[in-house]
N, C-alpha and C. Protein backbone atom coordinates (compact mmCIF):
# COMPACT_ATOMS: atom_id res chain seq x y z
N UNK A 1 18.01 -105.36 9.63
CA UNK A 1 18.63 -106.44 10.41
C UNK A 1 17.73 -107.67 10.39
N UNK A 2 18.33 -108.83 10.14
CA UNK A 2 17.58 -110.08 10.11
C UNK A 2 17.98 -110.95 11.30
N UNK A 3 16.99 -111.58 11.91
CA UNK A 3 17.23 -112.46 13.05
C UNK A 3 16.81 -113.87 12.72
N UNK A 4 17.67 -114.82 13.05
CA UNK A 4 17.38 -116.24 12.85
C UNK A 4 17.13 -116.86 14.21
N UNK A 5 15.96 -117.49 14.38
CA UNK A 5 15.62 -118.18 15.64
C UNK A 5 15.63 -119.67 15.37
N UNK A 6 16.38 -120.41 16.19
CA UNK A 6 16.49 -121.86 16.05
C UNK A 6 15.78 -122.52 17.21
N UNK A 7 14.72 -123.27 16.92
CA UNK A 7 13.95 -123.95 17.96
C UNK A 7 14.28 -125.44 17.97
N UNK A 8 13.57 -126.17 18.83
CA UNK A 8 13.92 -127.56 19.14
C UNK A 8 13.05 -128.58 18.42
N UNK A 9 12.31 -128.15 17.39
CA UNK A 9 11.45 -129.09 16.67
C UNK A 9 12.22 -129.87 15.62
N UNK A 10 11.49 -130.44 14.69
CA UNK A 10 12.12 -131.24 13.63
C UNK A 10 12.90 -130.32 12.68
N UNK A 11 14.10 -130.77 12.32
CA UNK A 11 14.88 -129.95 11.40
C UNK A 11 15.97 -130.79 10.74
N UNK A 12 16.11 -130.61 9.45
CA UNK A 12 17.24 -131.12 8.70
C UNK A 12 18.37 -130.11 8.86
N UNK A 13 19.49 -130.54 9.44
CA UNK A 13 20.57 -129.60 9.73
C UNK A 13 21.06 -128.85 8.49
N UNK A 14 20.90 -129.45 7.31
CA UNK A 14 21.37 -128.80 6.08
C UNK A 14 20.67 -127.47 5.84
N UNK A 15 19.45 -127.34 6.35
CA UNK A 15 18.71 -126.10 6.12
C UNK A 15 19.36 -124.92 6.81
N UNK A 16 20.09 -125.19 7.90
CA UNK A 16 20.79 -124.12 8.60
C UNK A 16 21.74 -123.40 7.65
N UNK A 17 22.53 -124.17 6.92
CA UNK A 17 23.53 -123.58 6.04
C UNK A 17 22.88 -122.93 4.82
N UNK A 18 21.71 -123.42 4.43
CA UNK A 18 20.99 -122.84 3.31
C UNK A 18 20.40 -121.48 3.68
N UNK A 19 19.89 -121.37 4.90
CA UNK A 19 19.17 -120.17 5.33
C UNK A 19 20.10 -119.11 5.92
N UNK A 20 21.12 -119.53 6.66
CA UNK A 20 21.96 -118.60 7.42
C UNK A 20 22.71 -117.63 6.51
N UNK A 21 22.64 -116.35 6.86
CA UNK A 21 23.40 -115.31 6.16
C UNK A 21 24.45 -114.72 7.09
N UNK A 22 25.55 -114.19 6.55
CA UNK A 22 26.68 -113.76 7.39
C UNK A 22 26.33 -112.77 8.49
N UNK A 23 25.41 -111.85 8.25
CA UNK A 23 25.13 -110.81 9.24
C UNK A 23 23.91 -111.11 10.10
N UNK A 24 23.37 -112.32 10.03
CA UNK A 24 22.21 -112.67 10.85
C UNK A 24 22.53 -112.61 12.34
N UNK A 25 21.59 -112.11 13.12
CA UNK A 25 21.62 -112.29 14.57
C UNK A 25 21.00 -113.66 14.86
N UNK A 26 21.72 -114.51 15.56
CA UNK A 26 21.25 -115.88 15.81
C UNK A 26 20.79 -116.01 17.25
N UNK A 27 19.51 -116.34 17.40
CA UNK A 27 18.93 -116.59 18.72
C UNK A 27 18.56 -118.06 18.80
N UNK A 28 19.04 -118.72 19.82
CA UNK A 28 18.74 -120.13 20.03
C UNK A 28 17.62 -120.24 21.07
N UNK A 29 16.57 -120.94 20.70
CA UNK A 29 15.42 -121.14 21.59
C UNK A 29 15.64 -122.44 22.36
N UNK A 30 16.21 -122.33 23.56
CA UNK A 30 16.44 -123.46 24.47
C UNK A 30 17.12 -124.64 23.77
N UNK A 31 16.43 -125.78 23.63
CA UNK A 31 17.05 -127.00 23.14
C UNK A 31 17.48 -126.97 21.69
N UNK A 32 17.11 -125.92 20.96
CA UNK A 32 17.61 -125.77 19.59
C UNK A 32 19.12 -125.64 19.54
N UNK A 33 19.75 -125.44 20.70
CA UNK A 33 21.21 -125.34 20.77
C UNK A 33 21.90 -126.58 20.23
N UNK A 34 21.21 -127.73 20.28
CA UNK A 34 21.86 -128.96 19.81
C UNK A 34 22.15 -128.90 18.31
N UNK A 35 21.24 -128.26 17.55
CA UNK A 35 21.45 -128.17 16.11
C UNK A 35 22.65 -127.29 15.78
N UNK A 36 22.77 -126.18 16.50
CA UNK A 36 23.89 -125.29 16.27
C UNK A 36 25.20 -125.95 16.68
N UNK A 37 25.18 -126.65 17.80
CA UNK A 37 26.38 -127.35 18.28
C UNK A 37 26.84 -128.38 17.25
N UNK A 38 25.90 -129.13 16.71
CA UNK A 38 26.24 -130.17 15.73
C UNK A 38 26.86 -129.58 14.47
N UNK A 39 26.47 -128.36 14.12
CA UNK A 39 26.96 -127.74 12.89
C UNK A 39 28.09 -126.74 13.13
N UNK A 40 28.53 -126.63 14.38
CA UNK A 40 29.64 -125.72 14.68
C UNK A 40 29.30 -124.25 14.52
N UNK A 41 28.03 -123.90 14.75
CA UNK A 41 27.57 -122.52 14.62
C UNK A 41 27.37 -121.93 16.01
N UNK A 42 27.96 -120.77 16.27
CA UNK A 42 27.87 -120.13 17.58
C UNK A 42 26.75 -119.09 17.55
N UNK A 43 25.74 -119.23 18.40
CA UNK A 43 24.66 -118.23 18.42
C UNK A 43 25.10 -116.98 19.19
N UNK A 44 24.36 -115.91 19.00
CA UNK A 44 24.59 -114.70 19.79
C UNK A 44 23.88 -114.80 21.14
N UNK A 45 22.70 -115.44 21.15
CA UNK A 45 21.90 -115.53 22.37
C UNK A 45 21.29 -116.93 22.49
N UNK A 46 21.15 -117.41 23.73
CA UNK A 46 20.35 -118.59 24.03
C UNK A 46 19.31 -118.15 25.05
N UNK A 47 18.03 -118.37 24.72
CA UNK A 47 16.93 -117.84 25.52
C UNK A 47 15.98 -118.98 25.90
N UNK A 48 15.52 -118.96 27.16
CA UNK A 48 14.52 -119.92 27.61
C UNK A 48 14.78 -120.38 29.02
N UNK A 49 14.02 -121.40 29.43
CA UNK A 49 14.21 -121.94 30.78
C UNK A 49 15.27 -123.03 30.81
N UNK A 50 15.79 -123.40 29.63
CA UNK A 50 16.88 -124.38 29.47
C UNK A 50 16.50 -125.78 29.95
N UNK A 51 15.21 -126.08 30.00
CA UNK A 51 14.79 -127.39 30.47
C UNK A 51 15.00 -128.48 29.41
N UNK A 52 15.17 -128.09 28.14
CA UNK A 52 15.40 -129.09 27.11
C UNK A 52 16.80 -129.00 26.52
N UNK A 53 17.66 -128.24 27.15
CA UNK A 53 19.03 -128.10 26.69
C UNK A 53 19.92 -129.18 27.31
N UNK A 54 20.93 -129.58 26.57
CA UNK A 54 21.90 -130.57 27.06
C UNK A 54 22.99 -129.83 27.83
N UNK A 55 23.22 -130.18 29.11
CA UNK A 55 24.17 -129.40 29.94
C UNK A 55 25.55 -129.24 29.31
N UNK A 56 26.08 -130.30 28.70
CA UNK A 56 27.41 -130.20 28.11
C UNK A 56 27.45 -129.18 26.98
N UNK A 57 26.35 -129.09 26.22
CA UNK A 57 26.28 -128.11 25.13
C UNK A 57 26.21 -126.71 25.70
N UNK A 58 25.44 -126.53 26.75
CA UNK A 58 25.35 -125.23 27.41
C UNK A 58 26.72 -124.80 27.91
N UNK A 59 27.43 -125.73 28.54
CA UNK A 59 28.77 -125.42 29.05
C UNK A 59 29.70 -125.01 27.92
N UNK A 60 29.58 -125.68 26.77
CA UNK A 60 30.42 -125.33 25.63
C UNK A 60 30.14 -123.91 25.17
N UNK A 61 28.86 -123.57 25.03
CA UNK A 61 28.52 -122.23 24.56
C UNK A 61 28.88 -121.16 25.58
N UNK A 62 28.88 -121.51 26.85
CA UNK A 62 29.32 -120.55 27.87
C UNK A 62 30.77 -120.17 27.65
N UNK A 63 31.59 -121.11 27.21
CA UNK A 63 33.01 -120.81 26.95
C UNK A 63 33.19 -119.95 25.70
N UNK A 64 32.14 -119.85 24.88
CA UNK A 64 32.20 -119.06 23.65
C UNK A 64 31.57 -117.67 23.82
N UNK A 65 31.32 -117.30 25.08
CA UNK A 65 30.78 -115.97 25.41
C UNK A 65 29.40 -115.71 24.80
N UNK A 66 28.63 -116.77 24.63
CA UNK A 66 27.24 -116.60 24.21
C UNK A 66 26.45 -115.96 25.35
N UNK A 67 25.55 -115.05 25.01
CA UNK A 67 24.73 -114.39 26.02
C UNK A 67 23.53 -115.28 26.34
N UNK A 68 23.36 -115.62 27.62
CA UNK A 68 22.23 -116.44 28.06
C UNK A 68 21.19 -115.56 28.72
N UNK A 69 19.93 -115.79 28.35
CA UNK A 69 18.81 -115.14 29.02
C UNK A 69 17.91 -116.25 29.54
N UNK A 70 18.11 -116.58 30.83
CA UNK A 70 17.44 -117.73 31.44
C UNK A 70 16.20 -117.27 32.19
N UNK A 71 15.11 -118.04 32.01
CA UNK A 71 13.84 -117.73 32.64
C UNK A 71 13.38 -118.90 33.49
N UNK A 72 12.58 -118.59 34.50
CA UNK A 72 11.97 -119.64 35.32
C UNK A 72 11.04 -120.49 34.47
N UNK A 73 11.02 -121.79 34.72
CA UNK A 73 10.15 -122.68 33.94
C UNK A 73 8.67 -122.41 34.19
N UNK A 74 8.34 -121.81 35.33
CA UNK A 74 6.94 -121.45 35.62
C UNK A 74 6.71 -120.03 35.12
N UNK A 75 6.29 -119.94 33.86
CA UNK A 75 6.11 -118.64 33.23
C UNK A 75 4.90 -118.69 32.31
N UNK A 76 4.41 -117.54 31.91
CA UNK A 76 3.22 -117.49 31.06
C UNK A 76 3.56 -117.61 29.58
N UNK A 77 4.79 -117.29 29.19
CA UNK A 77 5.19 -117.32 27.79
C UNK A 77 5.99 -118.59 27.48
N UNK A 78 5.83 -119.09 26.26
CA UNK A 78 6.72 -120.15 25.81
C UNK A 78 8.09 -119.55 25.51
N UNK A 79 9.10 -120.42 25.41
CA UNK A 79 10.43 -119.94 25.06
C UNK A 79 10.42 -119.25 23.69
N UNK A 80 9.61 -119.76 22.76
CA UNK A 80 9.53 -119.13 21.44
C UNK A 80 8.99 -117.71 21.53
N UNK A 81 7.97 -117.51 22.34
CA UNK A 81 7.43 -116.16 22.48
C UNK A 81 8.49 -115.22 23.05
N UNK A 82 9.26 -115.71 24.02
CA UNK A 82 10.34 -114.89 24.58
C UNK A 82 11.37 -114.53 23.53
N UNK A 83 11.67 -115.49 22.65
CA UNK A 83 12.65 -115.24 21.58
C UNK A 83 12.14 -114.21 20.59
N UNK A 84 10.88 -114.33 20.21
CA UNK A 84 10.30 -113.37 19.27
C UNK A 84 10.24 -111.98 19.89
N UNK A 85 9.82 -111.90 21.15
CA UNK A 85 9.79 -110.61 21.84
C UNK A 85 11.18 -109.98 21.87
N UNK A 86 12.19 -110.79 22.16
CA UNK A 86 13.54 -110.26 22.25
C UNK A 86 14.03 -109.80 20.88
N UNK A 87 13.74 -110.58 19.85
CA UNK A 87 14.15 -110.20 18.50
C UNK A 87 13.53 -108.86 18.11
N UNK A 88 12.25 -108.68 18.43
CA UNK A 88 11.58 -107.41 18.12
C UNK A 88 12.23 -106.27 18.90
N UNK A 89 12.59 -106.53 20.16
CA UNK A 89 13.20 -105.48 20.98
C UNK A 89 14.57 -105.07 20.45
N UNK A 90 15.25 -105.94 19.71
CA UNK A 90 16.54 -105.61 19.12
C UNK A 90 16.40 -104.67 17.93
N UNK A 91 15.18 -104.52 17.42
CA UNK A 91 14.96 -103.67 16.27
C UNK A 91 15.05 -104.39 14.94
N UNK A 92 14.95 -105.71 14.97
CA UNK A 92 15.00 -106.48 13.73
C UNK A 92 13.82 -106.14 12.83
N UNK A 93 14.02 -106.26 11.52
CA UNK A 93 12.89 -106.07 10.61
C UNK A 93 12.48 -107.35 9.91
N UNK A 94 13.19 -108.45 10.22
CA UNK A 94 12.84 -109.75 9.64
C UNK A 94 13.27 -110.86 10.59
N UNK A 95 12.38 -111.82 10.78
CA UNK A 95 12.66 -112.99 11.63
C UNK A 95 12.42 -114.25 10.81
N UNK A 96 13.41 -115.13 10.78
CA UNK A 96 13.28 -116.44 10.15
C UNK A 96 13.40 -117.48 11.26
N UNK A 97 12.42 -118.38 11.33
CA UNK A 97 12.35 -119.35 12.42
C UNK A 97 12.52 -120.76 11.86
N UNK A 98 13.48 -121.50 12.40
CA UNK A 98 13.71 -122.89 12.02
C UNK A 98 13.42 -123.79 13.23
N UNK A 99 13.04 -125.03 12.97
CA UNK A 99 12.79 -125.97 14.06
C UNK A 99 11.52 -125.69 14.84
N UNK A 100 10.58 -124.98 14.23
CA UNK A 100 9.35 -124.60 14.94
C UNK A 100 8.22 -125.60 14.75
N UNK A 101 8.43 -126.60 13.88
CA UNK A 101 7.40 -127.61 13.61
C UNK A 101 7.90 -128.94 14.14
N UNK A 102 7.08 -129.63 14.92
CA UNK A 102 7.53 -130.89 15.52
C UNK A 102 6.39 -131.82 15.82
N UNK A 103 6.65 -132.78 16.68
CA UNK A 103 5.66 -133.79 17.02
C UNK A 103 4.57 -133.26 17.96
N UNK A 104 4.86 -132.20 18.70
CA UNK A 104 3.88 -131.59 19.60
C UNK A 104 3.04 -130.60 18.81
N UNK A 105 1.81 -131.01 18.43
CA UNK A 105 0.96 -130.14 17.63
C UNK A 105 0.61 -128.87 18.37
N UNK A 106 0.52 -128.93 19.71
CA UNK A 106 0.21 -127.72 20.47
C UNK A 106 1.33 -126.70 20.34
N UNK A 107 2.58 -127.17 20.40
CA UNK A 107 3.71 -126.25 20.21
C UNK A 107 3.75 -125.73 18.78
N UNK A 108 3.50 -126.61 17.81
CA UNK A 108 3.53 -126.19 16.41
C UNK A 108 2.49 -125.11 16.14
N UNK A 109 1.25 -125.34 16.60
CA UNK A 109 0.19 -124.36 16.38
C UNK A 109 0.48 -123.05 17.09
N UNK A 110 1.02 -123.14 18.30
CA UNK A 110 1.37 -121.93 19.04
C UNK A 110 2.46 -121.15 18.33
N UNK A 111 3.48 -121.85 17.83
CA UNK A 111 4.56 -121.17 17.10
C UNK A 111 4.03 -120.44 15.87
N UNK A 112 3.11 -121.09 15.15
CA UNK A 112 2.50 -120.44 13.99
C UNK A 112 1.68 -119.23 14.44
N UNK A 113 0.91 -119.39 15.50
CA UNK A 113 0.09 -118.31 16.02
C UNK A 113 0.94 -117.10 16.44
N UNK A 114 2.16 -117.37 16.93
CA UNK A 114 3.02 -116.29 17.39
C UNK A 114 3.54 -115.41 16.25
N UNK A 115 3.42 -115.88 15.02
CA UNK A 115 3.78 -115.03 13.89
C UNK A 115 2.93 -113.76 13.86
N UNK A 116 1.73 -113.83 14.44
CA UNK A 116 0.84 -112.67 14.50
C UNK A 116 1.47 -111.56 15.33
N UNK A 117 2.22 -111.94 16.37
CA UNK A 117 2.87 -110.93 17.22
C UNK A 117 3.87 -110.11 16.40
N UNK A 118 4.64 -110.80 15.57
CA UNK A 118 5.59 -110.09 14.72
C UNK A 118 4.86 -109.23 13.69
N UNK A 119 3.81 -109.76 13.10
CA UNK A 119 3.04 -109.00 12.11
C UNK A 119 2.50 -107.72 12.73
N UNK A 120 2.00 -107.80 13.97
CA UNK A 120 1.47 -106.61 14.64
C UNK A 120 2.56 -105.60 14.95
N UNK A 121 3.81 -106.07 15.05
CA UNK A 121 4.95 -105.18 15.30
C UNK A 121 5.59 -104.70 14.00
N UNK A 122 4.94 -105.01 12.87
CA UNK A 122 5.44 -104.62 11.55
C UNK A 122 6.80 -105.25 11.25
N UNK A 123 6.97 -106.48 11.71
CA UNK A 123 8.19 -107.24 11.46
C UNK A 123 7.83 -108.46 10.62
N UNK A 124 8.48 -108.62 9.49
CA UNK A 124 8.24 -109.81 8.66
C UNK A 124 8.76 -111.03 9.40
N UNK A 125 7.94 -112.07 9.51
CA UNK A 125 8.36 -113.29 10.20
C UNK A 125 7.89 -114.50 9.41
N UNK A 126 8.74 -115.49 9.30
CA UNK A 126 8.41 -116.69 8.53
C UNK A 126 8.98 -117.92 9.23
N UNK A 127 8.17 -118.97 9.29
CA UNK A 127 8.62 -120.29 9.75
C UNK A 127 8.98 -121.09 8.52
N UNK A 128 10.19 -121.67 8.53
CA UNK A 128 10.69 -122.39 7.36
C UNK A 128 11.11 -123.80 7.78
N UNK A 129 10.70 -124.79 6.98
CA UNK A 129 11.30 -126.11 7.05
C UNK A 129 11.48 -126.61 5.62
N UNK A 130 11.81 -127.88 5.44
CA UNK A 130 12.08 -128.38 4.10
C UNK A 130 10.85 -128.39 3.20
N UNK A 131 9.66 -128.31 3.79
CA UNK A 131 8.43 -128.42 3.01
C UNK A 131 7.53 -127.21 3.07
N UNK A 132 7.83 -126.25 3.92
CA UNK A 132 6.89 -125.15 4.13
C UNK A 132 7.59 -123.82 4.37
N UNK A 133 6.95 -122.75 3.88
CA UNK A 133 7.26 -121.38 4.29
C UNK A 133 5.94 -120.79 4.78
N UNK A 134 5.89 -120.44 6.06
CA UNK A 134 4.63 -120.08 6.71
C UNK A 134 4.71 -118.65 7.21
N UNK A 135 3.72 -117.83 6.81
CA UNK A 135 3.66 -116.45 7.26
C UNK A 135 2.22 -116.09 7.62
N UNK A 136 2.07 -115.04 8.41
CA UNK A 136 0.76 -114.44 8.67
C UNK A 136 0.80 -113.01 8.18
N UNK A 137 -0.24 -112.61 7.43
CA UNK A 137 -0.30 -111.24 6.94
C UNK A 137 -1.59 -110.57 7.38
N UNK A 138 -1.51 -109.24 7.50
CA UNK A 138 -2.71 -108.43 7.76
C UNK A 138 -2.87 -107.36 6.69
N UNK A 139 -1.99 -107.39 5.68
CA UNK A 139 -2.10 -106.42 4.59
C UNK A 139 -1.74 -107.05 3.24
N UNK A 140 -0.44 -107.26 2.97
CA UNK A 140 -0.08 -107.79 1.65
C UNK A 140 1.21 -108.59 1.72
N UNK A 141 1.44 -109.36 0.66
CA UNK A 141 2.66 -110.16 0.57
C UNK A 141 2.94 -110.44 -0.90
N UNK A 142 4.22 -110.48 -1.24
CA UNK A 142 4.66 -110.97 -2.54
C UNK A 142 5.36 -112.30 -2.33
N UNK A 143 4.89 -113.33 -3.00
CA UNK A 143 5.42 -114.68 -2.84
C UNK A 143 6.35 -114.99 -4.01
N UNK A 144 7.58 -115.37 -3.68
CA UNK A 144 8.56 -115.74 -4.71
C UNK A 144 8.66 -117.25 -4.78
N UNK A 145 8.58 -117.78 -5.98
CA UNK A 145 8.69 -119.23 -6.15
C UNK A 145 8.85 -119.55 -7.61
N UNK A 146 8.13 -120.56 -8.04
CA UNK A 146 8.16 -120.93 -9.46
C UNK A 146 6.79 -121.47 -9.86
N UNK A 147 6.55 -121.47 -11.16
CA UNK A 147 5.29 -121.97 -11.67
C UNK A 147 5.03 -123.38 -11.18
N UNK A 148 3.83 -123.61 -10.65
CA UNK A 148 3.46 -124.92 -10.12
C UNK A 148 3.60 -125.05 -8.62
N UNK A 149 4.27 -124.09 -7.95
CA UNK A 149 4.36 -124.15 -6.50
C UNK A 149 2.97 -124.02 -5.87
N UNK A 150 2.78 -124.74 -4.77
CA UNK A 150 1.50 -124.70 -4.05
C UNK A 150 1.48 -123.56 -3.05
N UNK A 151 0.40 -122.84 -3.01
CA UNK A 151 0.20 -121.76 -2.05
C UNK A 151 -1.18 -121.94 -1.42
N UNK A 152 -1.23 -121.99 -0.10
CA UNK A 152 -2.51 -122.09 0.61
C UNK A 152 -2.75 -120.81 1.40
N UNK A 153 -3.98 -120.35 1.36
CA UNK A 153 -4.42 -119.17 2.10
C UNK A 153 -5.48 -119.62 3.10
N UNK A 154 -5.18 -119.45 4.39
CA UNK A 154 -6.06 -119.97 5.44
C UNK A 154 -6.39 -118.84 6.42
N UNK A 155 -7.65 -118.49 6.55
CA UNK A 155 -8.00 -117.42 7.50
C UNK A 155 -7.80 -117.88 8.94
N UNK A 156 -7.22 -116.99 9.75
CA UNK A 156 -7.09 -117.31 11.18
C UNK A 156 -7.80 -116.26 12.03
N UNK A 157 -8.47 -115.33 11.40
CA UNK A 157 -9.44 -114.49 12.08
C UNK A 157 -10.82 -114.90 11.57
N UNK A 158 -11.87 -114.51 12.26
CA UNK A 158 -13.23 -114.96 11.89
C UNK A 158 -13.52 -114.66 10.43
N UNK A 159 -13.15 -113.45 9.99
CA UNK A 159 -13.31 -113.07 8.59
C UNK A 159 -12.01 -112.46 8.09
N UNK A 160 -11.68 -112.75 6.85
CA UNK A 160 -10.63 -112.00 6.14
C UNK A 160 -11.31 -111.41 4.91
N UNK A 161 -11.28 -110.09 4.81
CA UNK A 161 -12.07 -109.40 3.79
C UNK A 161 -11.17 -108.65 2.80
N UNK A 162 -11.74 -108.45 1.61
CA UNK A 162 -11.04 -107.68 0.59
C UNK A 162 -9.81 -108.38 0.06
N UNK A 163 -9.91 -109.68 -0.19
CA UNK A 163 -8.75 -110.45 -0.65
C UNK A 163 -8.63 -110.35 -2.16
N UNK A 164 -7.46 -109.90 -2.62
CA UNK A 164 -7.13 -109.86 -4.04
C UNK A 164 -5.83 -110.63 -4.25
N UNK A 165 -5.79 -111.47 -5.27
CA UNK A 165 -4.57 -112.22 -5.56
C UNK A 165 -4.20 -112.06 -7.04
N UNK A 166 -2.92 -112.17 -7.31
CA UNK A 166 -2.42 -112.27 -8.68
C UNK A 166 -1.41 -113.41 -8.73
N UNK A 167 -1.22 -113.97 -9.91
CA UNK A 167 -0.21 -115.00 -10.09
C UNK A 167 -0.60 -116.36 -9.55
N UNK A 168 -1.88 -116.57 -9.26
CA UNK A 168 -2.38 -117.85 -8.77
C UNK A 168 -3.44 -118.40 -9.73
N UNK A 169 -3.48 -119.71 -9.86
CA UNK A 169 -4.39 -120.34 -10.82
C UNK A 169 -5.85 -120.05 -10.53
N UNK A 170 -6.18 -119.99 -9.24
CA UNK A 170 -7.56 -119.70 -8.84
C UNK A 170 -7.56 -118.32 -8.18
N UNK A 171 -7.82 -117.26 -8.95
CA UNK A 171 -7.69 -115.90 -8.43
C UNK A 171 -8.86 -115.53 -7.52
N UNK A 172 -8.58 -114.58 -6.63
CA UNK A 172 -9.61 -114.00 -5.78
C UNK A 172 -9.65 -112.51 -6.03
N UNK A 173 -10.86 -111.96 -6.07
CA UNK A 173 -11.04 -110.52 -6.29
C UNK A 173 -12.03 -110.00 -5.27
N UNK A 174 -11.53 -109.16 -4.37
CA UNK A 174 -12.35 -108.59 -3.30
C UNK A 174 -13.16 -109.67 -2.58
N UNK A 175 -12.51 -110.80 -2.33
CA UNK A 175 -13.18 -111.95 -1.73
C UNK A 175 -13.16 -111.88 -0.21
N UNK A 176 -14.06 -112.63 0.39
CA UNK A 176 -14.10 -112.80 1.84
C UNK A 176 -13.92 -114.27 2.16
N UNK A 177 -13.02 -114.56 3.08
CA UNK A 177 -12.83 -115.93 3.57
C UNK A 177 -13.21 -115.98 5.03
N UNK A 178 -13.79 -117.09 5.45
CA UNK A 178 -14.20 -117.26 6.84
C UNK A 178 -13.50 -118.46 7.46
N UNK A 179 -13.18 -118.33 8.72
CA UNK A 179 -12.51 -119.42 9.42
C UNK A 179 -13.42 -120.64 9.47
N UNK A 180 -12.85 -121.82 9.33
CA UNK A 180 -13.63 -123.04 9.36
C UNK A 180 -13.99 -123.58 8.00
N UNK A 181 -13.49 -122.92 6.92
CA UNK A 181 -13.73 -123.41 5.56
C UNK A 181 -12.38 -123.59 4.85
N UNK A 182 -12.38 -124.40 3.80
CA UNK A 182 -11.12 -124.80 3.16
C UNK A 182 -10.91 -124.15 1.80
N UNK A 183 -11.58 -123.06 1.54
CA UNK A 183 -11.57 -122.44 0.22
C UNK A 183 -10.17 -122.20 -0.34
N UNK A 184 -9.23 -121.74 0.49
CA UNK A 184 -7.94 -121.26 -0.03
C UNK A 184 -6.83 -122.28 -0.09
N UNK A 185 -7.13 -123.55 0.16
CA UNK A 185 -6.07 -124.57 0.24
C UNK A 185 -5.63 -125.03 -1.15
N UNK A 186 -4.32 -125.18 -1.34
CA UNK A 186 -3.71 -125.78 -2.54
C UNK A 186 -4.00 -125.00 -3.82
N UNK A 187 -3.81 -123.69 -3.76
CA UNK A 187 -3.78 -122.91 -4.99
C UNK A 187 -2.42 -123.14 -5.64
N UNK A 188 -2.25 -122.66 -6.88
CA UNK A 188 -1.04 -122.97 -7.64
C UNK A 188 -0.48 -121.71 -8.28
N UNK A 189 0.81 -121.49 -8.14
CA UNK A 189 1.45 -120.34 -8.76
C UNK A 189 1.51 -120.53 -10.27
N UNK A 190 1.19 -119.47 -11.00
CA UNK A 190 1.23 -119.53 -12.47
C UNK A 190 2.46 -118.84 -13.04
N UNK A 191 3.29 -118.26 -12.15
CA UNK A 191 4.53 -117.63 -12.57
C UNK A 191 5.48 -117.63 -11.38
N UNK A 192 6.58 -116.92 -11.48
CA UNK A 192 7.57 -116.90 -10.40
C UNK A 192 7.18 -115.96 -9.26
N UNK A 193 6.16 -115.17 -9.45
CA UNK A 193 5.70 -114.25 -8.42
C UNK A 193 4.18 -114.33 -8.28
N UNK A 194 3.73 -114.23 -7.05
CA UNK A 194 2.30 -114.12 -6.77
C UNK A 194 2.13 -113.06 -5.69
N UNK A 195 0.99 -112.39 -5.70
CA UNK A 195 0.71 -111.39 -4.67
C UNK A 195 -0.62 -111.70 -4.01
N UNK A 196 -0.69 -111.34 -2.73
CA UNK A 196 -1.93 -111.44 -1.97
C UNK A 196 -2.10 -110.14 -1.21
N UNK A 197 -3.24 -109.51 -1.37
CA UNK A 197 -3.57 -108.28 -0.65
C UNK A 197 -4.88 -108.49 0.10
N UNK A 198 -4.94 -108.02 1.34
CA UNK A 198 -6.18 -108.12 2.10
C UNK A 198 -6.47 -106.76 2.75
N UNK A 199 -7.75 -106.51 3.00
CA UNK A 199 -8.15 -105.24 3.61
C UNK A 199 -8.33 -105.35 5.12
N UNK A 200 -8.74 -106.53 5.60
CA UNK A 200 -8.91 -106.69 7.04
C UNK A 200 -8.80 -108.16 7.41
N UNK A 201 -8.38 -108.39 8.65
CA UNK A 201 -8.25 -109.75 9.16
C UNK A 201 -6.81 -110.23 9.14
N UNK A 202 -6.65 -111.49 9.48
CA UNK A 202 -5.34 -112.14 9.48
C UNK A 202 -5.41 -113.38 8.62
N UNK A 203 -4.44 -113.53 7.72
CA UNK A 203 -4.44 -114.61 6.75
C UNK A 203 -3.13 -115.38 6.86
N UNK A 204 -3.23 -116.68 7.02
CA UNK A 204 -2.08 -117.56 7.02
C UNK A 204 -1.73 -117.88 5.56
N UNK A 205 -0.49 -117.61 5.20
CA UNK A 205 -0.02 -117.85 3.82
C UNK A 205 1.08 -118.89 3.88
N UNK A 206 0.84 -120.03 3.21
CA UNK A 206 1.79 -121.13 3.26
C UNK A 206 2.18 -121.53 1.85
N UNK A 207 3.47 -121.41 1.54
CA UNK A 207 3.99 -122.01 0.31
C UNK A 207 4.50 -123.38 0.68
N UNK A 208 3.94 -124.43 0.07
CA UNK A 208 4.18 -125.79 0.55
C UNK A 208 4.59 -126.71 -0.59
N UNK A 209 5.25 -127.80 -0.22
CA UNK A 209 5.53 -128.88 -1.17
C UNK A 209 5.46 -130.20 -0.42
N UNK A 210 5.14 -131.27 -1.14
CA UNK A 210 5.03 -132.60 -0.52
C UNK A 210 6.42 -133.20 -0.34
């Protein structure tokens, strides 16, 4: 089962139709409801404190029998964390997150950091926008793309050890990366597939384009 989470950050609405699959469970993270409303897409759930939602849009989705899970605004978790927790509780094995990158760098960094929660639950999770596919791994990943695509590997634990890569212009073999250095930025795919394997730590893997 795949779950699509729509947040309130920057998003080109066209990406919704590119990413959405017929059997996806759609979770709307508070104000992300505006994107779905604009595109005529009905979510299964709307989750959050609803402080950034437009009342008229909420009223519309109420008439469509959308399930609302409303939380007090004074809480320890962000709306995105609540959405990821709920998606995991549904038994999903893949989460795709749209609208998670925006003008608030604190929210953007937190959303990226929350990918670790899914990784620890053995759930594949990726943040997608028009320029980036962002994941966190603690073991391995196969990256699908094309020759010349940019791939950056950024440690988010103090050490990431036992790094092996294939299909990248600058290969790593049993390498160690440390947080605070830029060693893994802007590598290049040499074929349509690349692999990254690590033995310990957490590694941010970003396929990016300008």
